[in-house]
Amino acid sequence: MANKFLLEFSLLAQQDIDDIFAYTLAQWGERQFGIYKSKIGKALATLLEKPTCSHENPEHGLRMFSVERHRIFYNIDGKTIFIVRVLHERMDPSLYIADPGEE
């Protein structure tokens, strides 16, 4: 069955993922890189199948889905799941996610 939703990434979210993968490869090697890449891929597949499986955070108006020590921040617009940022759990989202009224 084809997914009813499409994934779209902000430039910052794509950079976040690229940075996560580069860091994982450099720090932990190819094996862990493969494991983490698979986990992020499975998380994105879960969002495609069940986009409302997470709760909306009123602080920034986005949904948040956890993958290990990272958080995927996204919103749903019609049939598009827009990935805004992918941040480490230690990162304060209010410092990295713009208020929609300020964009």
C-alpha atoms as a PDB file:
ATOM      1  CA  MET A   1       0.000   0.000   0.000  1.00  0.00           C
ATOM      2  CA  ALA A   2       1.355   3.414  -0.965  1.00  0.00           C
ATOM      3  CA  ASN A   3       1.836   6.030   1.716  1.00  0.00           C
ATOM      4  CA  LYS A   4      -0.827   8.697   1.837  1.00  0.00           C
ATOM      5  CA  PHE A   5       1.696  11.281   3.032  1.00  0.00           C
ATOM      6  CA  LEU A   6       4.852  12.817   1.610  1.00  0.00           C
ATOM      7  CA  LEU A   7       7.948  13.838   3.566  1.00  0.00           C
ATOM      8  CA  GLU A   8       9.508  17.219   2.978  1.00  0.00           C
ATOM      9  CA  PHE A   9      12.605  18.519   4.794  1.00  0.00           C
ATOM     10  CA  SER A  10      13.597  22.086   5.557  1.00  0.00           C
ATOM     11  CA  LEU A  11      17.155  22.950   4.566  1.00  0.00           C
ATOM     12  CA  LEU A  12      18.047  23.059   8.268  1.00  0.00           C
ATOM     13  CA  ALA A  13      16.510  19.632   8.909  1.00  0.00           C
ATOM     14  CA  GLN A  14      18.471  18.135   6.016  1.00  0.00           C
ATOM     15  CA  GLN A  15      21.645  19.736   7.380  1.00  0.00           C
ATOM     16  CA  ASP A  16      20.811  18.379  10.848  1.00  0.00           C
ATOM     17  CA  ILE A  17      20.533  14.839   9.469  1.00  0.00           C
ATOM     18  CA  ASP A  18      23.735  15.199   7.434  1.00  0.00           C
ATOM     19  CA  ASP A  19      25.552  16.445  10.558  1.00  0.00           C
ATOM     20  CA  ILE A  20      24.159  13.623  12.720  1.00  0.00           C
ATOM     21  CA  PHE A  21      25.298  11.020  10.199  1.00  0.00           C
ATOM     22  CA  ALA A  22      28.753  12.608   9.779  1.00  0.00           C
ATOM     23  CA  TYR A  23      29.254  12.827  13.545  1.00  0.00           C
ATOM     24  CA  THR A  24      28.077   9.255  14.112  1.00  0.00           C
ATOM     25  CA  LEU A  25      30.398   7.927  11.418  1.00  0.00           C
ATOM     26  CA  ALA A  26      33.395   9.899  12.704  1.00  0.00           C
ATOM     27  CA  GLN A  27      32.826   9.120  16.399  1.00  0.00           C
ATOM     28  CA  TRP A  28      31.414   5.613  16.344  1.00  0.00           C
ATOM     29  CA  GLY A  29      32.334   4.067  13.006  1.00  0.00           C
ATOM     30  CA  GLU A  30      30.536   2.468  10.095  1.00  0.00           C
ATOM     31  CA  ARG A  31      28.648  -0.152  12.082  1.00  0.00           C
ATOM     32  CA  GLN A  32      26.994   2.379  14.415  1.00  0.00           C
ATOM     33  CA  PHE A  33      26.436   4.746  11.495  1.00  0.00           C
ATOM     34  CA  GLY A  34      24.458   1.999   9.735  1.00  0.00           C
ATOM     35  CA  ILE A  35      22.448   1.222  12.857  1.00  0.00           C
ATOM     36  CA  TYR A  36      21.577   4.877  13.509  1.00  0.00           C
ATOM     37  CA  LYS A  37      20.769   5.588   9.878  1.00  0.00           C
ATOM     38  CA  SER A  38      18.372   2.633   9.937  1.00  0.00           C
ATOM     39  CA  LYS A  39      16.714   3.870  13.147  1.00  0.00           C
ATOM     40  CA  ILE A  40      16.156   7.332  11.711  1.00  0.00           C
ATOM     41  CA  GLY A  41      14.818   5.765   8.509  1.00  0.00           C
ATOM     42  CA  LYS A  42      12.382   3.628  10.509  1.00  0.00           C
ATOM     43  CA  ALA A  43      11.245   6.681  12.487  1.00  0.00           C
ATOM     44  CA  LEU A  44      10.524   8.569   9.264  1.00  0.00           C
ATOM     45  CA  ALA A  45       8.643   5.543   7.916  1.00  0.00           C
ATOM     46  CA  THR A  46       6.565   5.521  11.115  1.00  0.00           C
ATOM     47  CA  LEU A  47       5.703   9.185  10.596  1.00  0.00           C
ATOM     48  CA  LEU A  48       4.577   8.426   7.049  1.00  0.00           C
ATOM     49  CA  GLU A  49       2.300   5.668   8.289  1.00  0.00           C
ATOM     50  CA  LYS A  50       1.044   7.405  11.453  1.00  0.00           C
ATOM     51  CA  PRO A  51       1.823  11.133  11.278  1.00  0.00           C
ATOM     52  CA  THR A  52      -0.287  11.928  14.339  1.00  0.00           C
ATOM     53  CA  CYS A  53       1.472   9.355  16.555  1.00  0.00           C
ATOM     54  CA  SER A  54       3.132  12.155  18.529  1.00  0.00           C
ATOM     55  CA  HIS A  55       1.776  15.081  20.500  1.00  0.00           C
ATOM     56  CA  GLU A  56       1.932  18.698  19.485  1.00  0.00           C
ATOM     57  CA  ASN A  57       4.147  20.829  21.670  1.00  0.00           C
ATOM     58  CA  PRO A  58       2.366  24.133  22.442  1.00  0.00           C
ATOM     59  CA  GLU A  59       5.699  25.897  23.023  1.00  0.00           C
ATOM     60  CA  HIS A  60       6.579  25.889  19.325  1.00  0.00           C
ATOM     61  CA  GLY A  61       3.426  24.447  17.731  1.00  0.00           C
ATOM     62  CA  LEU A  62       5.219  21.451  16.218  1.00  0.00           C
ATOM     63  CA  ARG A  63       4.931  17.746  16.742  1.00  0.00           C
ATOM     64  CA  MET A  64       7.944  15.909  18.157  1.00  0.00           C
ATOM     65  CA  PHE A  65       8.986  12.305  17.548  1.00  0.00           C
ATOM     66  CA  SER A  66      11.933  10.794  19.432  1.00  0.00           C
ATOM     67  CA  VAL A  67      14.650   8.629  17.903  1.00  0.00           C
ATOM     68  CA  GLU A  68      17.243   7.519  20.439  1.00  0.00           C
ATOM     69  CA  ARG A  69      18.794  10.827  21.597  1.00  0.00           C
ATOM     70  CA  HIS A  70      17.381  12.961  18.794  1.00  0.00           C
ATOM     71  CA  ARG A  71      14.020  14.641  18.345  1.00  0.00           C
ATOM     72  CA  ILE A  72      12.326  15.118  15.001  1.00  0.00           C
ATOM     73  CA  PHE A  73      10.258  18.319  14.994  1.00  0.00           C
ATOM     74  CA  TYR A  74       7.614  18.467  12.288  1.00  0.00           C
ATOM     75  CA  ASN A  75       4.205  19.671  11.249  1.00  0.00           C
ATOM     76  CA  ILE A  76       1.507  18.249   9.044  1.00  0.00           C
ATOM     77  CA  ASP A  77       0.127  20.332   6.207  1.00  0.00           C
ATOM     78  CA  GLY A  78      -2.520  18.440   4.290  1.00  0.00           C
ATOM     79  CA  LYS A  79      -0.763  15.326   3.004  1.00  0.00           C
ATOM     80  CA  THR A  80       2.752  16.661   3.628  1.00  0.00           C
ATOM     81  CA  ILE A  81       4.828  15.971   6.719  1.00  0.00           C
ATOM     82  CA  PHE A  82       7.277  18.852   6.905  1.00  0.00           C
ATOM     83  CA  ILE A  83      10.390  18.085   8.963  1.00  0.00           C
ATOM     84  CA  VAL A  84      11.498  21.383  10.499  1.00  0.00           C
ATOM     85  CA  ARG A  85      14.538  20.287  12.571  1.00  0.00           C
ATOM     86  CA  VAL A  86      16.209  17.173  13.959  1.00  0.00           C
ATOM     87  CA  LEU A  87      17.853  18.108  17.263  1.00  0.00           C
ATOM     88  CA  HIS A  88      19.785  16.298  19.959  1.00  0.00           C
ATOM     89  CA  GLU A  89      17.896  15.923  23.234  1.00  0.00           C
ATOM     90  CA  ARG A  90      20.330  18.308  24.946  1.00  0.00           C
ATOM     91  CA  MET A  91      19.543  21.119  22.503  1.00  0.00           C
ATOM     92  CA  ASP A  92      16.909  23.621  23.596  1.00  0.00           C
ATOM     93  CA  PRO A  93      14.373  23.717  20.735  1.00  0.00           C
ATOM     94  CA  SER A  94      13.472  27.339  21.484  1.00  0.00           C
ATOM     95  CA  LEU A  95      17.011  28.300  20.446  1.00  0.00           C
ATOM     96  CA  TYR A  96      16.897  26.373  17.145  1.00  0.00           C
ATOM     97  CA  ILE A  97      13.293  26.580  15.987  1.00  0.00           C
ATOM     98  CA  ALA A  98      12.010  29.952  14.807  1.00  0.00           C
ATOM     99  CA  ASP A  99       8.667  31.195  16.015  1.00  0.00           C
ATOM    100  CA  PRO A 100       6.343  30.878  12.977  1.00  0.00           C
ATOM    101  CA  GLY A 101       5.336  34.503  13.475  1.00  0.00           C
ATOM    102  CA  GLU A 102       8.955  35.615  13.078  1.00  0.00           C
ATOM    103  CA  GLU A 103       9.692  33.848   9.772  1.00  0.00           C
END
